[in-house]
Protein backbone atom coordinates (compact mmCIF):
# COMPACT_ATOMS: atom_id res chain seq x y z
CA MET A 1 -5.17 -27.78 40.53
CA PRO A 2 -7.65 -29.72 42.32
CA PRO A 3 -7.93 -29.26 45.91
CA LEU A 4 -4.92 -30.91 48.24
CA ASN A 5 -7.11 -33.05 50.56
CA PRO A 6 -10.71 -32.31 49.91
CA VAL A 7 -12.98 -33.05 52.71
CA PHE A 8 -15.90 -34.91 50.45
CA GLN A 9 -19.50 -35.88 52.24
CA PHE A 10 -20.31 -38.01 49.01
CA VAL A 11 -18.48 -39.82 46.14
CA ASP A 12 -20.54 -41.68 43.47
CA GLY A 13 -20.10 -43.18 40.31
CA TYR A 14 -23.00 -45.13 40.26
CA GLU A 15 -21.75 -48.33 40.07
CA HIS A 16 -24.19 -49.69 42.82
CA GLU A 17 -27.19 -47.84 41.89
CA THR A 18 -30.72 -49.28 41.54
CA THR A 19 -33.75 -48.16 39.72
CA THR A 20 -35.84 -49.27 42.64
CA PRO A 21 -35.84 -46.52 45.50
CA THR A 22 -34.30 -47.43 48.74
CA ALA A 23 -34.45 -46.73 52.55
CA GLN A 24 -32.64 -44.19 54.19
CA GLY A 25 -29.57 -44.83 55.93
CA PHE A 26 -27.19 -42.34 58.25
CA GLY A 27 -23.49 -41.69 58.12
CA SER A 28 -21.01 -40.13 60.25
CA ASN A 29 -22.85 -36.61 61.00
CA TYR A 30 -24.91 -36.64 58.23
CA GLN A 31 -28.10 -38.55 57.27
CA LEU A 32 -27.83 -40.53 53.70
CA ALA A 33 -30.78 -40.93 51.66
CA PHE A 34 -30.87 -42.54 47.56
CA SER A 35 -33.93 -42.71 45.56
CA ALA A 36 -34.55 -43.63 42.08
CA THR A 37 -37.63 -42.80 40.43
CA GLY A 38 -38.95 -43.50 36.80
CA SER A 39 -36.73 -46.56 36.15
CA PRO A 40 -33.19 -44.70 35.00
CA THR A 41 -31.08 -46.92 32.83
CA PHE A 42 -27.43 -47.13 32.71
CA VAL A 43 -24.75 -46.86 30.13
CA ALA A 44 -20.82 -46.88 30.08
CA GLY A 45 -19.18 -44.33 32.30
CA HIS A 46 -17.53 -41.38 30.71
CA ASN A 47 -13.81 -42.26 31.19
CA GLY A 48 -14.56 -45.93 30.24
CA TYR A 49 -14.93 -47.52 33.66
CA GLY A 50 -17.94 -48.67 34.88
CA LYS A 51 -21.37 -47.14 34.18
CA ALA A 52 -22.83 -43.63 34.41
CA VAL A 53 -27.10 -43.28 34.97
CA SER A 54 -29.11 -42.21 32.01
CA LEU A 55 -32.30 -40.53 32.78
CA SER A 56 -34.70 -39.68 29.66
CA SER A 57 -37.08 -36.31 30.01
CA ALA A 58 -39.86 -38.31 28.48
CA SER A 59 -40.63 -40.09 31.54
CA ALA A 60 -39.68 -38.09 34.26
CA GLN A 61 -36.90 -40.08 36.00
CA VAL A 62 -35.14 -38.75 38.96
CA ILE A 63 -32.01 -39.98 40.96
CA GLU A 64 -31.65 -38.03 44.07
CA ARG A 65 -28.93 -37.87 47.01
CA ARG A 66 -29.80 -36.58 49.98
CA TRP A 67 -27.65 -35.89 53.25
CA THR A 68 -27.82 -34.08 56.78
CA THR A 69 -24.58 -31.47 56.97
CA ALA A 70 -22.81 -30.71 59.93
CA GLY A 71 -23.08 -26.81 60.38
CA THR A 72 -21.78 -26.39 56.70
CA THR A 73 -23.19 -23.37 54.23
CA ASP A 74 -21.19 -24.38 51.65
CA TRP A 75 -22.37 -26.47 48.94
CA VAL A 76 -19.36 -27.82 46.53
CA PHE A 77 -20.32 -30.12 43.55
CA SER A 78 -18.50 -31.72 40.91
CA GLY A 79 -19.72 -34.19 38.07
CA TYR A 80 -20.07 -35.22 34.32
CA PHE A 81 -23.02 -34.86 32.62
CA ARG A 82 -24.02 -35.43 28.86
CA VAL A 83 -26.97 -34.25 27.08
CA ALA A 84 -28.60 -35.66 23.86
CA GLY A 85 -31.67 -34.94 21.82
CA ALA A 86 -33.32 -31.72 20.45
CA VAL A 87 -33.93 -29.20 23.34
CA SER A 88 -37.09 -27.35 22.67
CA ALA A 89 -37.10 -25.52 25.87
CA SER A 90 -34.93 -24.44 29.15
CA ARG A 91 -34.44 -27.73 30.79
CA ALA A 92 -33.22 -28.16 34.12
CA ILE A 93 -30.96 -31.56 34.14
CA ILE A 94 -30.00 -30.86 38.24
CA HIS A 95 -32.55 -29.41 40.24
CA ASP A 96 -33.46 -28.75 43.72
CA CYS A 97 -29.99 -28.34 44.91
CA GLY A 98 -28.66 -26.41 47.72
CA ILE A 99 -28.60 -27.06 51.76
CA GLY A 100 -31.66 -26.57 54.08
CA GLY A 101 -33.90 -25.62 50.76
CA SER A 102 -33.65 -26.36 46.96
CA GLY A 103 -33.48 -22.87 45.14
CA MET A 104 -30.78 -24.01 42.78
CA GLY A 105 -30.32 -25.70 39.28
CA PHE A 106 -28.49 -25.99 35.91
CA TYR A 107 -30.09 -26.11 32.88
CA VAL A 108 -29.94 -26.49 29.18
CA ASN A 109 -31.46 -23.83 27.39
CA ALA A 110 -33.34 -23.53 24.21
CA SER A 111 -30.21 -22.79 22.32
CA GLY A 112 -28.34 -25.38 24.02
CA VAL A 113 -25.96 -23.65 26.08
CA CYS A 114 -25.72 -24.06 29.61
CA GLU A 115 -27.38 -21.94 31.91
CA MET A 116 -27.31 -21.65 36.06
CA GLY A 117 -30.56 -20.52 38.01
CA CYS A 118 -31.30 -19.67 41.48
CA ASP A 119 -35.22 -19.11 42.17
CA SER A 120 -36.04 -16.06 39.91
CA ASN A 121 -32.67 -15.07 38.74
CA SER A 122 -30.24 -16.87 36.17
CA ARG A 123 -27.30 -16.59 34.11
CA ILE A 124 -26.57 -18.06 30.76
CA GLY A 125 -22.70 -19.45 30.26
CA SER A 126 -20.62 -19.36 27.31
CA VAL A 127 -20.61 -23.34 26.26
CA PHE A 128 -23.17 -25.39 24.20
CA ILE A 129 -23.78 -28.22 26.02
CA ALA A 130 -26.62 -30.19 24.10
CA ASP A 131 -24.05 -31.84 21.80
CA GLY A 132 -24.01 -35.53 22.86
CA ASN A 133 -20.45 -34.84 24.47
CA TRP A 134 -19.52 -35.41 27.90
CA HIS A 135 -18.73 -32.34 30.07
CA LEU A 136 -17.68 -31.35 33.65
CA LEU A 137 -19.74 -29.26 35.77
CA ASP A 138 -18.31 -27.89 38.64
CA TRP A 139 -19.95 -25.61 41.14
CA TRP A 140 -20.19 -23.85 44.49
CA CYS A 141 -22.65 -21.74 46.28
CA ASP A 142 -22.90 -20.10 49.80
CA THR A 143 -26.35 -20.54 51.23
CA ALA A 144 -25.26 -18.57 54.80
CA VAL A 145 -26.43 -15.18 52.98
CA ASN A 146 -29.04 -13.78 51.10
CA PRO A 147 -29.08 -13.71 48.15
CA TRP A 148 -27.08 -16.66 48.01
CA VAL A 149 -23.92 -16.68 45.79
CA MET A 150 -22.86 -19.04 43.34
CA ARG A 151 -19.61 -20.00 41.28
CA TRP A 152 -19.78 -22.36 38.63
CA ARG A 153 -17.36 -23.39 35.77
CA VAL A 154 -17.92 -25.84 32.84
CA ASP A 155 -15.30 -27.67 31.32
CA GLU A 156 -12.94 -25.98 33.67
CA VAL A 157 -13.89 -22.13 32.10
CA ASP A 158 -15.41 -19.97 34.43
CA GLN A 159 -19.25 -19.24 34.24
CA PRO A 160 -20.79 -15.52 34.65
CA LEU A 161 -21.25 -15.39 38.61
CA LEU A 162 -25.07 -15.71 40.02
CA THR A 163 -26.77 -14.48 43.28
CA GLY A 164 -30.13 -15.23 43.70
CA PRO A 165 -32.39 -14.39 46.34
CA HIS A 166 -33.01 -17.28 48.59
CA ALA A 167 -33.33 -17.22 52.87
CA ALA A 168 -30.02 -17.70 54.10
CA GLN A 169 -29.52 -21.10 55.50
CA VAL A 170 -27.10 -22.48 58.08
CA ALA A 171 -28.51 -26.16 58.48
CA GLY A 172 -30.51 -28.72 57.34
CA ASP A 173 -30.35 -31.51 54.37
CA ALA A 174 -27.96 -30.91 51.64
CA GLN A 175 -29.24 -32.69 48.26
CA TYR A 176 -29.44 -32.87 44.60
CA ARG A 177 -31.68 -34.53 41.94
CA LEU A 178 -30.55 -35.36 38.77
CA GLY A 179 -32.84 -35.41 36.27
CA HIS A 180 -36.13 -33.77 36.12
CA ALA A 181 -39.53 -34.61 37.72
CA ALA A 182 -41.54 -33.67 35.08
CA ALA A 183 -41.84 -35.34 32.04
CA GLY A 184 -41.46 -33.33 28.71
CA ASN A 185 -38.81 -31.84 26.12
CA GLY A 186 -37.75 -35.30 24.88
CA ILE A 187 -33.64 -34.66 25.71
CA SER A 188 -31.97 -37.73 27.38
CA GLU A 189 -29.18 -36.88 30.01
CA ASP A 190 -26.68 -38.83 31.75
CA TRP A 191 -24.64 -38.26 35.08
CA ASP A 192 -21.80 -39.98 36.10
CA ASP A 193 -18.69 -39.72 38.82
CA CYS A 194 -20.54 -37.30 40.80
CA VAL A 195 -18.74 -35.85 44.69
CA MET A 196 -19.95 -33.22 46.92
CA SER A 197 -18.24 -31.41 49.88
CA GLY A 198 -19.15 -28.76 52.08
CA ARG A 199 -15.93 -27.02 52.13
CA LYS A 200 -15.69 -23.71 49.47
CA GLU A 201 -11.42 -24.49 49.70
CA ASP A 202 -12.35 -27.42 47.36
CA TYR A 203 -13.94 -25.98 44.83
CA PRO A 204 -12.94 -26.23 41.98
CA ILE A 205 -12.55 -30.29 42.09
CA GLY A 206 -12.13 -30.22 38.48
CA PRO A 207 -11.44 -33.12 36.31
CA HIS A 208 -11.63 -36.37 38.39
CA ARG A 209 -12.98 -40.16 38.33
CA ASN A 210 -14.47 -42.32 40.89
CA TYR A 211 -13.72 -45.82 41.58
CA TRP A 212 -15.79 -48.49 43.10
CA LEU A 213 -13.46 -51.03 44.68
CA GLU A 214 -15.41 -54.02 45.83
CA PRO A 215 -14.68 -56.89 48.82
CA ASN A 216 -11.98 -59.60 47.42
CA ALA A 217 -10.67 -61.41 50.00
CA ASP A 218 -11.04 -62.54 53.76
CA GLY A 219 -8.59 -60.36 56.36
CA SER A 220 -7.61 -61.29 59.63
CA HIS A 221 -10.78 -62.33 61.31
CA ASN A 222 -11.84 -62.61 64.89
CA LEU A 223 -15.10 -64.28 64.80
CA SER A 224 -14.99 -65.64 68.41
CA GLY A 225 -17.88 -67.91 67.30
CA SER A 226 -20.06 -65.16 67.25
CA ILE A 227 -19.96 -63.68 63.45
CA ARG A 228 -20.76 -65.91 60.29
CA GLY A 229 -22.24 -66.21 57.52
CA ASP A 230 -25.65 -66.32 56.62
CA ALA A 231 -25.44 -69.96 56.11
CA GLY A 232 -22.98 -70.84 59.12
CA GLU A 233 -19.78 -70.09 56.92
CA THR A 234 -16.69 -69.06 58.50
CA THR A 235 -14.77 -68.68 55.56
CA ASN A 236 -15.12 -66.82 52.60
CA LEU A 237 -17.01 -64.03 54.22
CA TYR A 238 -16.05 -61.30 51.66
CA GLN A 239 -18.58 -62.99 49.47
CA LYS A 240 -21.32 -61.99 51.47
CA VAL A 241 -20.77 -58.98 51.21
CA GLN A 242 -20.16 -58.37 47.49
CA ASP A 243 -23.52 -57.53 45.74
CA TRP A 244 -24.29 -54.63 44.50
CA PRO A 245 -27.48 -53.40 44.35
CA ALA A 246 -27.60 -54.56 48.27
CA ASN A 247 -29.78 -57.51 48.77
CA GLN A 248 -30.71 -59.50 51.92
CA THR A 249 -30.01 -62.97 50.57
CA ASP A 250 -26.87 -63.22 51.71
CA TYR A 251 -24.78 -61.14 54.62
CA ILE A 252 -22.39 -61.29 57.62
CA LYS A 253 -24.53 -62.36 60.74
CA GLN A 254 -23.84 -61.57 64.80
CA ASP A 255 -25.84 -63.94 66.84
CA VAL A 256 -24.00 -64.34 69.89
CA ASN A 257 -22.71 -61.39 72.50
CA ALA A 258 -19.21 -60.27 71.60
CA GLY A 259 -18.04 -57.07 71.93
CA GLY A 260 -14.50 -58.03 70.61
CA ALA A 261 -15.33 -60.15 67.88
CA PHE A 262 -14.94 -59.20 63.68
CA ALA A 263 -14.91 -60.18 60.32
CA GLU A 264 -12.17 -58.79 58.50
CA ILE A 265 -12.63 -58.04 54.64
CA MET A 266 -10.23 -56.53 52.08
CA PHE A 267 -11.27 -54.68 49.05
CA ASP A 268 -9.79 -54.28 44.85
CA ASP A 269 -6.85 -52.35 44.67
CA LEU A 270 -7.19 -49.50 42.32
CA PRO A 271 -7.16 -50.85 39.12
CA ALA A 272 -4.78 -47.34 37.79
CA VAL A 273 -1.92 -45.04 39.19
CA PRO A 274 -3.63 -41.66 39.66
CA THR A 275 -1.78 -38.69 39.76
CA ASN A 276 -3.76 -37.56 43.06
CA VAL A 277 -5.99 -39.50 45.22
CA LEU A 278 -8.46 -36.87 46.45
CA GLY A 279 -10.99 -38.53 48.82
CA VAL A 280 -11.88 -41.61 49.91
CA MET A 281 -15.67 -43.29 51.33
CA GLY A 282 -16.55 -46.15 52.70
CA TYR A 283 -19.76 -47.64 52.29
CA MET A 284 -22.15 -50.22 53.99
CA ALA A 285 -25.33 -51.52 53.72
CA GLY A 286 -27.31 -54.06 56.27
CA PHE A 287 -30.19 -54.75 58.31
CA ALA A 288 -31.41 -56.05 61.31
CA SER A 289 -33.09 -59.65 62.08
CA ALA A 290 -35.90 -57.40 64.01
CA THR A 291 -36.17 -53.84 65.07
CA THR A 292 -35.00 -53.24 68.42
CA PRO A 293 -33.66 -49.61 68.83
CA ALA A 294 -31.84 -50.43 71.92
CA THR A 295 -29.24 -53.25 70.65
CA THR A 296 -25.88 -51.70 70.96
CA GLY A 297 -22.18 -52.03 69.52
CA ALA A 298 -23.35 -53.37 66.27
CA SER A 299 -20.75 -51.46 63.60
CA TRP A 300 -18.83 -51.39 60.60
CA ARG A 301 -15.57 -49.67 60.67
CA LEU A 302 -12.51 -48.51 58.17
CA VAL A 303 -8.51 -49.93 59.28
CA TRP A 304 -5.53 -50.31 58.26
CA PRO A 305 -3.78 -53.37 58.17
CA ASP A 306 -2.74 -53.39 61.97
CA GLY A 307 -6.15 -53.10 63.07
CA THR A 308 -5.85 -49.23 63.99
CA ASP A 309 -9.33 -47.61 63.20
CA ILE A 310 -9.18 -44.76 60.34
CA GLY A 311 -10.80 -42.08 61.90
CA GLY A 312 -13.52 -43.55 63.98
CA ASN A 313 -16.43 -46.17 63.56
CA ASN A 314 -20.03 -46.14 62.45
CA SER A 315 -22.94 -47.79 63.90
CA LEU A 316 -25.71 -50.51 62.13
CA ASP A 317 -29.15 -49.06 62.26
CA MET A 318 -30.54 -51.77 64.90
CA SER A 319 -33.81 -50.05 64.07
CA GLU A 320 -34.06 -50.77 60.59
CA SER A 321 -34.98 -54.15 59.67
CA ALA A 322 -35.13 -52.71 55.77
CA THR A 323 -31.69 -52.55 54.06
CA HIS A 324 -30.21 -49.26 54.64
CA TYR A 325 -27.27 -47.66 53.71
CA ARG A 326 -24.22 -45.91 55.73
CA CYS A 327 -21.71 -43.96 54.08
CA ASP A 328 -18.25 -42.62 55.80
CA GLY A 329 -16.14 -39.95 54.20
CA LYS A 330 -12.35 -40.60 55.28
CA ASN A 331 -9.53 -37.76 55.48
CA GLY A 332 -6.12 -38.26 54.20
CA PRO A 333 -3.93 -39.74 56.99
CA ALA A 334 -2.39 -37.14 59.57
CA GLY A 335 -4.74 -34.56 57.41
CA GLY A 336 -2.22 -34.98 54.25
CA PRO A 337 -3.44 -36.36 50.57
CA TRP A 338 -3.96 -40.08 50.61
CA THR A 339 -0.98 -42.36 48.90
CA VAL A 340 -2.28 -45.30 46.49
CA ASP A 341 -0.23 -47.62 48.69
CA GLN A 342 -2.49 -46.45 51.70
CA VAL A 343 -5.63 -46.86 50.01
CA ASN A 344 -4.99 -50.43 48.82
CA SER A 345 -4.21 -51.45 52.45
CA ILE A 346 -7.39 -50.34 53.13
CA ARG A 347 -9.53 -53.19 55.30
CA ALA A 348 -13.40 -53.35 56.74
CA ARG A 349 -14.55 -54.84 59.47
CA VAL A 350 -17.74 -55.95 60.92
CA GLY A 351 -19.31 -56.90 64.08
CA TYR A 352 -18.33 -55.82 67.82
CA CYS A 353 -21.96 -56.03 68.97
CA THR A 354 -22.39 -56.85 72.49
CA ASP A 355 -26.35 -57.44 72.23
CA VAL A 356 -28.18 -59.50 69.74
CA THR A 357 -31.38 -59.17 70.99
CA ALA A 358 -32.18 -58.93 67.28
CA ASN A 359 -28.67 -60.02 65.17
CA PRO A 360 -27.68 -57.34 63.07
CA ARG A 361 -26.68 -58.34 59.25
CA TRP A 362 -23.92 -56.47 56.98
CA THR A 363 -25.10 -57.23 53.61
CA ALA A 364 -22.66 -55.38 50.97
CA LEU A 365 -19.27 -53.06 51.75
CA ALA A 366 -17.38 -51.15 49.07
CA LEU A 367 -15.17 -48.04 49.29
CA ALA A 368 -15.76 -45.11 46.54
CA VAL A 369 -12.26 -43.56 45.81
CA CYS A 370 -12.22 -40.07 44.18
CA VAL A 371 -8.82 -39.50 42.25
CA GLU A 372 -7.54 -36.82 39.63
CA ASP A 373 -7.76 -37.29 36.19
CA ARG A 374 -6.23 -34.61 34.61
CA HIS A 375 -3.55 -36.74 32.94
CA PRO A 376 -3.11 -40.34 31.64
CA LEU A 377 -3.55 -42.78 34.11
CA THR A 378 -1.03 -45.50 34.21
CA ILE A 379 -2.58 -49.20 34.22
CA PRO A 380 -0.39 -51.50 36.37
CA ASP A 381 0.35 -55.18 35.07
CA ARG A 382 -2.20 -57.05 37.82
CA SER A 383 -3.01 -60.09 35.92
CA GLY A 384 -5.23 -62.67 37.65
CA ASN A 385 -4.93 -60.38 40.77
CA MET A 386 -7.86 -58.08 40.45
CA SER A 387 -11.61 -58.87 41.06
CA PHE A 388 -14.39 -57.11 38.77
CA ALA A 389 -17.58 -58.18 40.27
CA GLY A 390 -20.52 -55.77 39.84
CA GLY A 391 -20.59 -54.14 36.40
CA ARG A 392 -16.92 -53.54 36.19
């Protein structure tokens, strides 16, 4: 069974991914960094939805995710992978994993079998993975002890416990890198629907899929003559924040001080009715018209239809004139699991700036939603009601 209400630090299905390294951003309690090197490509997602990232070992392609943790010492990961090609030697397909250090890696060995490593220690698993099929990796590590202790599963089958001699870490960046920094071996690997948690109680996350929900309509604005599109628009503002990967071509801006002003944006509904909604994360890309760190109030927040905040709000970094990303994981209402109706009712609001010495500019918004994928999903009849922008 999946965890009842996992606390995700990261939810990614690669629908927004770009082959160009992107600026760092900051989320609630942790720093978020996206990067991509070596021009990875994209293939169809493991579940027929969206896309997956594809990396070739022939040209040293890497996708990195990194963020600052808030005191957690548990590193919990779940994601889908596929390995193809003749394996001539052991090869890390996800590496530099951990908290405050980079001691762990998951490998396909020379026999095509899964293997887990931590520094000088490793354990060979029981599943042949170099078969061109999708597999599920679940992984937990306790980094607060020396040696680190790792439990891992492939396709829901427990694999041998591994301990690795690595200095105990109680703070610092949590990270993982898909692919390998050095070319060689000739295999290719695909990754899809990766999620991260900082709670050991969330292991194993198990079968899941990640949906990427983009803006599809305006909500109830309170523009107050201060918020508008890049060309002065006051309607159809949702179209200004639909583009993923994010750009600086069109955006919502605030150019007059008004602490109570906001633009409200609605999102696509979930395209299927899952057994359980496991987690929700909001994503924002934005930038400032000039770098003025003292600017205050510029924020984005997720709200219910009545305007009540869903667990706080998040600021735009006004020291960054380059596009930067922020994400914010939301627990289920009242500490319980999410329902489909609750997810479908979420809106985003941007604005609230009381000092527009530099204009805050919001250029992209989205929701990433992780759902259980253990049973067939019911596809509702929503003919004409869905917007599938951005590669769906």
